[in-house]
Amino acid sequence: MEGIINGNINLVGYGLSAIGGGIGVGLVFAAYINGVARQPEAQRVLQPIAFLGLALTEALAILGLVFAFVL
């Protein structure tokens, strides 16, 4: 019975980490849009950085999913 309770708590923890990932992606692209709006000629420099931030933020959310099922 104890394993069932821990499994549910793990999934709640993953849900909270997914919310954090969504907020992180929103902040990354808000900064990207703000930077391009201020200096449109810097788009080629800022776009790869924004996609790298997206990839790292989503990787952390996927890592949280893996830990939710492993632990």
N, C-alpha and C. Protein backbone atom coordinates (compact mmCIF):
# COMPACT_ATOMS: atom_id res chain seq x y z
N MET A 1 0.82 -1.20 0.00
CA MET A 1 0.00 0.00 0.00
C MET A 1 0.87 1.27 0.00
N GLU A 2 2.02 1.15 0.60
CA GLU A 2 2.88 2.32 0.67
C GLU A 2 3.42 2.73 -0.69
N GLY A 3 3.68 1.77 -1.59
CA GLY A 3 4.19 2.08 -2.93
C GLY A 3 3.19 2.86 -3.77
N ILE A 4 1.91 2.59 -3.58
CA ILE A 4 0.88 3.29 -4.34
C ILE A 4 0.85 4.77 -3.96
N ILE A 5 0.97 5.04 -2.68
CA ILE A 5 0.95 6.43 -2.22
C ILE A 5 2.17 7.18 -2.74
N ASN A 6 3.33 6.57 -2.68
CA ASN A 6 4.54 7.22 -3.17
C ASN A 6 4.46 7.47 -4.68
N GLY A 7 3.88 6.54 -5.44
CA GLY A 7 3.74 6.73 -6.87
C GLY A 7 2.87 7.92 -7.21
N ASN A 8 1.79 8.09 -6.47
CA ASN A 8 0.91 9.23 -6.72
C ASN A 8 1.61 10.54 -6.37
N ILE A 9 2.38 10.53 -5.31
CA ILE A 9 3.10 11.75 -4.92
C ILE A 9 4.17 12.08 -5.96
N ASN A 10 4.80 11.05 -6.53
CA ASN A 10 5.79 11.29 -7.58
C ASN A 10 5.15 11.97 -8.79
N LEU A 11 3.96 11.53 -9.17
CA LEU A 11 3.30 12.13 -10.33
C LEU A 11 2.85 13.55 -10.05
N VAL A 12 2.47 13.83 -8.83
CA VAL A 12 2.14 15.22 -8.46
C VAL A 12 3.38 16.09 -8.57
N GLY A 13 4.51 15.55 -8.13
CA GLY A 13 5.77 16.28 -8.26
C GLY A 13 6.12 16.54 -9.71
N TYR A 14 5.86 15.57 -10.58
CA TYR A 14 6.12 15.79 -12.00
C TYR A 14 5.20 16.86 -12.56
N GLY A 15 3.95 16.85 -12.15
CA GLY A 15 3.02 17.89 -12.61
C GLY A 15 3.50 19.28 -12.24
N LEU A 16 4.02 19.41 -11.04
CA LEU A 16 4.56 20.71 -10.62
C LEU A 16 5.81 21.08 -11.42
N SER A 17 6.64 20.10 -11.74
CA SER A 17 7.83 20.42 -12.52
C SER A 17 7.47 20.77 -13.97
N ALA A 18 6.38 20.19 -14.49
CA ALA A 18 5.94 20.53 -15.85
C ALA A 18 5.44 21.96 -15.91
N ILE A 19 4.80 22.41 -14.84
CA ILE A 19 4.38 23.81 -14.78
C ILE A 19 5.59 24.72 -14.80
N GLY A 20 6.63 24.33 -14.07
CA GLY A 20 7.86 25.12 -14.07
C GLY A 20 8.51 25.18 -15.44
N GLY A 21 8.47 24.05 -16.17
CA GLY A 21 9.01 24.05 -17.53
C GLY A 21 8.23 24.96 -18.46
N GLY A 22 6.92 24.98 -18.31
CA GLY A 22 6.08 25.87 -19.13
C GLY A 22 6.38 27.33 -18.85
N ILE A 23 6.56 27.64 -17.59
CA ILE A 23 6.91 29.03 -17.22
C ILE A 23 8.28 29.38 -17.78
N GLY A 24 9.22 28.44 -17.71
CA GLY A 24 10.57 28.68 -18.23
C GLY A 24 10.57 28.95 -19.73
N VAL A 25 9.81 28.16 -20.47
CA VAL A 25 9.73 28.37 -21.93
C VAL A 25 9.10 29.73 -22.22
N GLY A 26 8.09 30.10 -21.46
CA GLY A 26 7.47 31.40 -21.65
C GLY A 26 8.44 32.54 -21.39
N LEU A 27 9.26 32.42 -20.36
CA LEU A 27 10.24 33.46 -20.06
C LEU A 27 11.33 33.54 -21.12
N VAL A 28 11.76 32.39 -21.64
CA VAL A 28 12.79 32.38 -22.68
C VAL A 28 12.30 33.10 -23.93
N PHE A 29 11.09 32.78 -24.38
CA PHE A 29 10.61 33.40 -25.60
C PHE A 29 10.13 34.83 -25.38
N ALA A 30 9.74 35.18 -24.17
CA ALA A 30 9.42 36.58 -23.88
C ALA A 30 10.69 37.43 -24.00
N ALA A 31 11.80 36.91 -23.48
CA ALA A 31 13.06 37.65 -23.60
C ALA A 31 13.52 37.73 -25.06
N TYR A 32 13.30 36.64 -25.80
CA TYR A 32 13.69 36.64 -27.22
C TYR A 32 12.87 37.67 -28.01
N ILE A 33 11.58 37.68 -27.80
CA ILE A 33 10.72 38.63 -28.52
C ILE A 33 11.07 40.06 -28.12
N ASN A 34 11.34 40.28 -26.84
CA ASN A 34 11.71 41.61 -26.38
C ASN A 34 13.04 42.05 -27.02
N GLY A 35 14.00 41.14 -27.10
CA GLY A 35 15.28 41.49 -27.70
C GLY A 35 15.17 41.77 -29.18
N VAL A 36 14.38 41.00 -29.90
CA VAL A 36 14.21 41.22 -31.34
C VAL A 36 13.41 42.49 -31.60
N ALA A 37 12.47 42.80 -30.72
CA ALA A 37 11.70 44.03 -30.89
C ALA A 37 12.58 45.26 -30.70
N ARG A 38 13.55 45.16 -29.80
CA ARG A 38 14.44 46.29 -29.57
C ARG A 38 15.51 46.42 -30.66
N GLN A 39 16.04 45.28 -31.10
CA GLN A 39 17.08 45.29 -32.13
C GLN A 39 16.79 44.19 -33.16
N PRO A 40 16.02 44.50 -34.19
CA PRO A 40 15.66 43.47 -35.18
C PRO A 40 16.87 42.86 -35.89
N GLU A 41 17.95 43.60 -36.00
CA GLU A 41 19.13 43.06 -36.68
C GLU A 41 19.84 41.98 -35.86
N ALA A 42 19.50 41.84 -34.59
CA ALA A 42 20.12 40.83 -33.73
C ALA A 42 19.35 39.51 -33.73
N GLN A 43 18.38 39.37 -34.61
CA GLN A 43 17.56 38.15 -34.62
C GLN A 43 18.40 36.91 -34.90
N ARG A 44 19.35 37.00 -35.82
CA ARG A 44 20.17 35.82 -36.17
C ARG A 44 21.05 35.38 -35.00
N VAL A 45 21.39 36.31 -34.12
CA VAL A 45 22.20 35.96 -32.96
C VAL A 45 21.31 35.41 -31.84
N LEU A 46 20.14 36.00 -31.66
CA LEU A 46 19.28 35.63 -30.53
C LEU A 46 18.49 34.35 -30.77
N GLN A 47 18.17 34.04 -32.01
CA GLN A 47 17.31 32.88 -32.28
C GLN A 47 17.93 31.55 -31.84
N PRO A 48 19.21 31.28 -32.14
CA PRO A 48 19.78 30.01 -31.65
C PRO A 48 19.84 29.95 -30.12
N ILE A 49 20.07 31.08 -29.48
CA ILE A 49 20.11 31.10 -28.02
C ILE A 49 18.73 30.79 -27.46
N ALA A 50 17.68 31.32 -28.10
CA ALA A 50 16.32 31.05 -27.64
C ALA A 50 15.97 29.57 -27.80
N PHE A 51 16.37 28.97 -28.91
CA PHE A 51 16.09 27.55 -29.11
C PHE A 51 16.90 26.67 -28.17
N LEU A 52 18.11 27.09 -27.83
CA LEU A 52 18.90 26.36 -26.85
C LEU A 52 18.24 26.44 -25.48
N GLY A 53 17.72 27.61 -25.12
CA GLY A 53 17.00 27.74 -23.85
C GLY A 53 15.75 26.88 -23.83
N LEU A 54 15.05 26.81 -24.95
CA LEU A 54 13.87 25.95 -25.06
C LEU A 54 14.25 24.49 -24.86
N ALA A 55 15.32 24.06 -25.52
CA ALA A 55 15.74 22.67 -25.43
C ALA A 55 16.16 22.30 -24.01
N LEU A 56 16.91 23.17 -23.35
CA LEU A 56 17.35 22.88 -21.98
C LEU A 56 16.18 22.86 -21.01
N THR A 57 15.24 23.77 -21.17
CA THR A 57 14.08 23.80 -20.28
C THR A 57 13.23 22.56 -20.46
N GLU A 58 13.00 22.15 -21.70
CA GLU A 58 12.21 20.95 -21.94
C GLU A 58 12.95 19.69 -21.50
N ALA A 59 14.27 19.69 -21.61
CA ALA A 59 15.04 18.53 -21.15
C ALA A 59 14.88 18.35 -19.65
N LEU A 60 14.83 19.43 -18.90
CA LEU A 60 14.62 19.32 -17.46
C LEU A 60 13.23 18.78 -17.15
N ALA A 61 12.23 19.17 -17.93
CA ALA A 61 10.88 18.65 -17.71
C ALA A 61 10.81 17.16 -18.03
N ILE A 62 11.49 16.73 -19.07
CA ILE A 62 11.51 15.31 -19.42
C ILE A 62 12.29 14.53 -18.37
N LEU A 63 13.36 15.11 -17.84
CA LEU A 63 14.11 14.46 -16.77
C LEU A 63 13.23 14.30 -15.53
N GLY A 64 12.38 15.28 -15.25
CA GLY A 64 11.43 15.15 -14.14
C GLY A 64 10.45 14.02 -14.36
N LEU A 65 10.02 13.82 -15.61
CA LEU A 65 9.13 12.71 -15.93
C LEU A 65 9.82 11.37 -15.70
N VAL A 66 11.07 11.27 -16.11
CA VAL A 66 11.82 10.04 -15.91
C VAL A 66 11.97 9.74 -14.41
N PHE A 67 12.30 10.75 -13.63
CA PHE A 67 12.47 10.54 -12.19
C PHE A 67 11.14 10.21 -11.52
N ALA A 68 10.04 10.72 -12.05
CA ALA A 68 8.74 10.40 -11.46
C ALA A 68 8.42 8.92 -11.61
N PHE A 69 8.83 8.31 -12.72
CA PHE A 69 8.54 6.90 -12.92
C PHE A 69 9.62 6.00 -12.31
N VAL A 70 10.85 6.49 -12.21
CA VAL A 70 11.93 5.67 -11.67
C VAL A 70 11.84 5.60 -10.15
N LEU A 71 11.59 6.73 -9.53
CA LEU A 71 11.55 6.74 -8.05
C LEU A 71 10.21 6.32 -7.62
